[in-house]
Amino acid sequence: MANTLQSKKRARQNARRLSVNKARRSRIRTFLRKVEEAIASGDKEAAQNALRTAQPELMRGVSKGVFNKNTASRKMSRLASRIKLIG
């Protein structure tokens, strides 16, 4: 349990950041899920559009500290290569 004023404030800040980051992570996952669904349906145009809208969201997550830069780049690269395979 937090005893000092500083540790109590830090606990409040951590709780606030946790809720904000959880919402950001959820939003990014929703965009990624839309790309996955478009790939699964086999619609190349829809998948490309979904990836175009997901990329800025992913990079925003990187700048906000929710994801590591390499993780976001890896996700985008793998999705793009899967979209390329759609005939």
N, C-alpha and C. Protein backbone atom coordinates (compact mmCIF):
# COMPACT_ATOMS: atom_id res chain seq x y z
N MET A 1 0.84 -1.18 0.00
CA MET A 1 0.00 0.00 0.00
C MET A 1 0.88 1.24 0.00
N ALA A 2 0.48 2.25 -0.77
CA ALA A 2 1.25 3.48 -0.86
C ALA A 2 1.12 4.27 0.44
N ASN A 3 2.26 4.69 0.97
CA ASN A 3 2.25 5.41 2.24
C ASN A 3 2.57 6.90 2.08
N THR A 4 3.59 7.21 1.30
CA THR A 4 3.99 8.61 1.18
C THR A 4 3.11 9.31 0.15
N LEU A 5 3.11 10.62 0.21
CA LEU A 5 2.33 11.40 -0.75
C LEU A 5 2.78 11.12 -2.18
N GLN A 6 4.11 11.03 -2.34
CA GLN A 6 4.65 10.79 -3.67
C GLN A 6 4.20 9.43 -4.22
N SER A 7 4.21 8.40 -3.38
CA SER A 7 3.81 7.08 -3.85
C SER A 7 2.31 7.00 -4.10
N LYS A 8 1.52 7.77 -3.33
CA LYS A 8 0.08 7.82 -3.59
C LYS A 8 -0.22 8.49 -4.92
N LYS A 9 0.49 9.58 -5.20
CA LYS A 9 0.32 10.27 -6.48
C LYS A 9 0.75 9.36 -7.62
N ARG A 10 1.87 8.66 -7.45
CA ARG A 10 2.36 7.76 -8.48
C ARG A 10 1.35 6.65 -8.76
N ALA A 11 0.70 6.15 -7.72
CA ALA A 11 -0.31 5.11 -7.90
C ALA A 11 -1.50 5.64 -8.69
N ARG A 12 -1.91 6.89 -8.41
CA ARG A 12 -3.01 7.50 -9.17
C ARG A 12 -2.62 7.66 -10.63
N GLN A 13 -1.39 8.14 -10.89
CA GLN A 13 -0.94 8.33 -12.27
C GLN A 13 -0.88 7.00 -13.01
N ASN A 14 -0.38 5.96 -12.34
CA ASN A 14 -0.28 4.65 -12.99
C ASN A 14 -1.65 4.11 -13.35
N ALA A 15 -2.63 4.30 -12.47
CA ALA A 15 -3.99 3.82 -12.75
C ALA A 15 -4.58 4.56 -13.95
N ARG A 16 -4.34 5.88 -14.02
CA ARG A 16 -4.86 6.67 -15.13
C ARG A 16 -4.20 6.24 -16.44
N ARG A 17 -2.87 6.07 -16.41
CA ARG A 17 -2.15 5.67 -17.62
C ARG A 17 -2.55 4.28 -18.08
N LEU A 18 -2.81 3.38 -17.10
CA LEU A 18 -3.22 2.03 -17.44
C LEU A 18 -4.53 2.05 -18.23
N SER A 19 -5.49 2.85 -17.78
CA SER A 19 -6.78 2.89 -18.47
C SER A 19 -6.66 3.52 -19.85
N VAL A 20 -5.84 4.56 -19.97
CA VAL A 20 -5.65 5.21 -21.27
C VAL A 20 -4.96 4.27 -22.24
N ASN A 21 -3.90 3.60 -21.77
CA ASN A 21 -3.15 2.70 -22.64
C ASN A 21 -3.98 1.48 -23.03
N LYS A 22 -4.83 1.03 -22.12
CA LYS A 22 -5.69 -0.11 -22.43
C LYS A 22 -6.67 0.26 -23.55
N ALA A 23 -7.20 1.47 -23.49
CA ALA A 23 -8.12 1.93 -24.54
C ALA A 23 -7.38 2.07 -25.87
N ARG A 24 -6.17 2.61 -25.84
CA ARG A 24 -5.38 2.75 -27.07
C ARG A 24 -5.06 1.39 -27.68
N ARG A 25 -4.65 0.46 -26.84
CA ARG A 25 -4.31 -0.88 -27.32
C ARG A 25 -5.53 -1.56 -27.93
N SER A 26 -6.67 -1.39 -27.30
CA SER A 26 -7.91 -1.98 -27.80
C SER A 26 -8.28 -1.39 -29.16
N ARG A 27 -8.13 -0.08 -29.29
CA ARG A 27 -8.44 0.59 -30.55
C ARG A 27 -7.54 0.09 -31.68
N ILE A 28 -6.26 -0.06 -31.39
CA ILE A 28 -5.31 -0.55 -32.41
C ILE A 28 -5.65 -1.98 -32.79
N ARG A 29 -5.97 -2.81 -31.81
CA ARG A 29 -6.32 -4.20 -32.11
C ARG A 29 -7.58 -4.29 -32.97
N THR A 30 -8.51 -3.37 -32.78
CA THR A 30 -9.71 -3.35 -33.60
C THR A 30 -9.36 -3.08 -35.06
N PHE A 31 -8.46 -2.11 -35.29
CA PHE A 31 -8.02 -1.82 -36.65
C PHE A 31 -7.31 -3.03 -37.26
N LEU A 32 -6.48 -3.70 -36.48
CA LEU A 32 -5.77 -4.87 -36.98
C LEU A 32 -6.74 -6.01 -37.28
N ARG A 33 -7.78 -6.15 -36.45
CA ARG A 33 -8.77 -7.19 -36.68
C ARG A 33 -9.51 -6.97 -37.99
N LYS A 34 -9.77 -5.70 -38.33
CA LYS A 34 -10.44 -5.40 -39.60
C LYS A 34 -9.58 -5.82 -40.77
N VAL A 35 -8.26 -5.63 -40.66
CA VAL A 35 -7.35 -6.07 -41.72
C VAL A 35 -7.38 -7.58 -41.83
N GLU A 36 -7.33 -8.26 -40.69
CA GLU A 36 -7.36 -9.73 -40.69
C GLU A 36 -8.64 -10.26 -41.32
N GLU A 37 -9.76 -9.64 -41.02
CA GLU A 37 -11.03 -10.09 -41.57
C GLU A 37 -11.07 -9.88 -43.08
N ALA A 38 -10.52 -8.77 -43.55
CA ALA A 38 -10.48 -8.51 -44.99
C ALA A 38 -9.58 -9.53 -45.69
N ILE A 39 -8.47 -9.89 -45.05
CA ILE A 39 -7.58 -10.90 -45.63
C ILE A 39 -8.30 -12.24 -45.68
N ALA A 40 -8.99 -12.57 -44.61
CA ALA A 40 -9.70 -13.86 -44.55
C ALA A 40 -10.80 -13.95 -45.59
N SER A 41 -11.44 -12.81 -45.88
CA SER A 41 -12.51 -12.83 -46.88
C SER A 41 -11.96 -12.89 -48.30
N GLY A 42 -10.66 -12.60 -48.46
CA GLY A 42 -10.04 -12.68 -49.78
C GLY A 42 -10.21 -11.43 -50.62
N ASP A 43 -10.67 -10.35 -50.00
CA ASP A 43 -10.88 -9.10 -50.73
C ASP A 43 -9.62 -8.25 -50.62
N LYS A 44 -8.82 -8.24 -51.69
CA LYS A 44 -7.52 -7.57 -51.66
C LYS A 44 -7.67 -6.06 -51.50
N GLU A 45 -8.62 -5.48 -52.22
CA GLU A 45 -8.81 -4.02 -52.15
C GLU A 45 -9.22 -3.58 -50.74
N ALA A 46 -10.15 -4.31 -50.14
CA ALA A 46 -10.60 -3.96 -48.79
C ALA A 46 -9.47 -4.15 -47.79
N ALA A 47 -8.66 -5.19 -47.99
CA ALA A 47 -7.55 -5.44 -47.08
C ALA A 47 -6.52 -4.32 -47.18
N GLN A 48 -6.24 -3.86 -48.39
CA GLN A 48 -5.28 -2.77 -48.56
C GLN A 48 -5.79 -1.49 -47.91
N ASN A 49 -7.07 -1.21 -48.10
CA ASN A 49 -7.65 -0.01 -47.48
C ASN A 49 -7.61 -0.11 -45.96
N ALA A 50 -7.92 -1.29 -45.44
CA ALA A 50 -7.91 -1.48 -43.99
C ALA A 50 -6.49 -1.32 -43.44
N LEU A 51 -5.51 -1.83 -44.18
CA LEU A 51 -4.12 -1.68 -43.73
C LEU A 51 -3.69 -0.22 -43.77
N ARG A 52 -4.13 0.52 -44.79
CA ARG A 52 -3.79 1.94 -44.88
C ARG A 52 -4.35 2.73 -43.70
N THR A 53 -5.53 2.35 -43.22
CA THR A 53 -6.09 3.05 -42.06
C THR A 53 -5.47 2.56 -40.76
N ALA A 54 -4.97 1.31 -40.74
CA ALA A 54 -4.39 0.76 -39.52
C ALA A 54 -2.97 1.27 -39.27
N GLN A 55 -2.24 1.56 -40.34
CA GLN A 55 -0.84 1.97 -40.17
C GLN A 55 -0.66 3.22 -39.31
N PRO A 56 -1.41 4.31 -39.56
CA PRO A 56 -1.23 5.48 -38.69
C PRO A 56 -1.61 5.20 -37.24
N GLU A 57 -2.61 4.35 -37.04
CA GLU A 57 -3.01 4.01 -35.67
C GLU A 57 -1.88 3.27 -34.95
N LEU A 58 -1.27 2.32 -35.66
CA LEU A 58 -0.16 1.59 -35.07
C LEU A 58 1.00 2.52 -34.73
N MET A 59 1.33 3.41 -35.64
CA MET A 59 2.45 4.32 -35.39
C MET A 59 2.12 5.33 -34.29
N ARG A 60 0.85 5.68 -34.16
CA ARG A 60 0.45 6.54 -33.05
C ARG A 60 0.63 5.81 -31.73
N GLY A 61 0.34 4.51 -31.74
CA GLY A 61 0.57 3.70 -30.55
C GLY A 61 2.04 3.65 -30.18
N VAL A 62 2.91 3.63 -31.21
CA VAL A 62 4.35 3.65 -30.96
C VAL A 62 4.76 4.97 -30.31
N SER A 63 4.27 6.08 -30.87
CA SER A 63 4.66 7.38 -30.34
C SER A 63 4.12 7.60 -28.93
N LYS A 64 3.00 6.96 -28.60
CA LYS A 64 2.43 7.10 -27.25
C LYS A 64 3.02 6.09 -26.27
N GLY A 65 3.86 5.19 -26.77
CA GLY A 65 4.52 4.24 -25.88
C GLY A 65 3.75 2.98 -25.59
N VAL A 66 2.71 2.70 -26.37
CA VAL A 66 1.92 1.49 -26.15
C VAL A 66 2.62 0.29 -26.77
N PHE A 67 3.22 0.48 -27.95
CA PHE A 67 3.93 -0.59 -28.64
C PHE A 67 5.36 -0.15 -28.91
N ASN A 68 6.23 -1.15 -29.06
CA ASN A 68 7.59 -0.89 -29.49
C ASN A 68 7.59 -0.65 -31.00
N LYS A 69 8.51 0.17 -31.49
CA LYS A 69 8.57 0.52 -32.90
C LYS A 69 8.76 -0.72 -33.77
N ASN A 70 9.65 -1.61 -33.34
CA ASN A 70 9.91 -2.81 -34.13
C ASN A 70 8.70 -3.74 -34.16
N THR A 71 7.95 -3.79 -33.08
CA THR A 71 6.75 -4.62 -33.03
C THR A 71 5.73 -4.13 -34.04
N ALA A 72 5.52 -2.82 -34.08
CA ALA A 72 4.56 -2.25 -35.03
C ALA A 72 5.03 -2.47 -36.45
N SER A 73 6.31 -2.29 -36.71
CA SER A 73 6.85 -2.50 -38.06
C SER A 73 6.69 -3.95 -38.48
N ARG A 74 6.94 -4.87 -37.56
CA ARG A 74 6.81 -6.29 -37.86
C ARG A 74 5.36 -6.64 -38.19
N LYS A 75 4.42 -6.11 -37.42
CA LYS A 75 3.00 -6.38 -37.68
C LYS A 75 2.59 -5.86 -39.05
N MET A 76 3.00 -4.63 -39.37
CA MET A 76 2.65 -4.05 -40.67
C MET A 76 3.26 -4.85 -41.81
N SER A 77 4.51 -5.26 -41.65
CA SER A 77 5.20 -6.00 -42.69
C SER A 77 4.52 -7.34 -42.94
N ARG A 78 4.17 -8.04 -41.89
CA ARG A 78 3.54 -9.35 -42.04
C ARG A 78 2.16 -9.24 -42.66
N LEU A 79 1.41 -8.23 -42.25
CA LEU A 79 0.09 -8.03 -42.86
C LEU A 79 0.21 -7.68 -44.34
N ALA A 80 1.18 -6.81 -44.67
CA ALA A 80 1.36 -6.41 -46.06
C ALA A 80 1.74 -7.59 -46.93
N SER A 81 2.61 -8.47 -46.41
CA SER A 81 3.02 -9.62 -47.20
C SER A 81 1.87 -10.60 -47.37
N ARG A 82 0.99 -10.73 -46.37
CA ARG A 82 -0.18 -11.59 -46.50
C ARG A 82 -1.17 -11.03 -47.50
N ILE A 83 -1.27 -9.69 -47.56
CA ILE A 83 -2.17 -9.06 -48.53
C ILE A 83 -1.65 -9.28 -49.95
N LYS A 84 -0.32 -9.24 -50.11
CA LYS A 84 0.27 -9.48 -51.42
C LYS A 84 -0.06 -10.85 -51.97
N LEU A 85 -0.19 -11.84 -51.08
CA LEU A 85 -0.45 -13.21 -51.50
C LEU A 85 -1.88 -13.43 -51.98
N ILE A 86 -2.77 -12.50 -51.67
CA ILE A 86 -4.16 -12.65 -52.11
C ILE A 86 -4.18 -12.53 -53.63
N GLY A 87 -4.75 -13.54 -54.29
CA GLY A 87 -4.72 -13.58 -55.74
C GLY A 87 -5.77 -12.74 -56.34
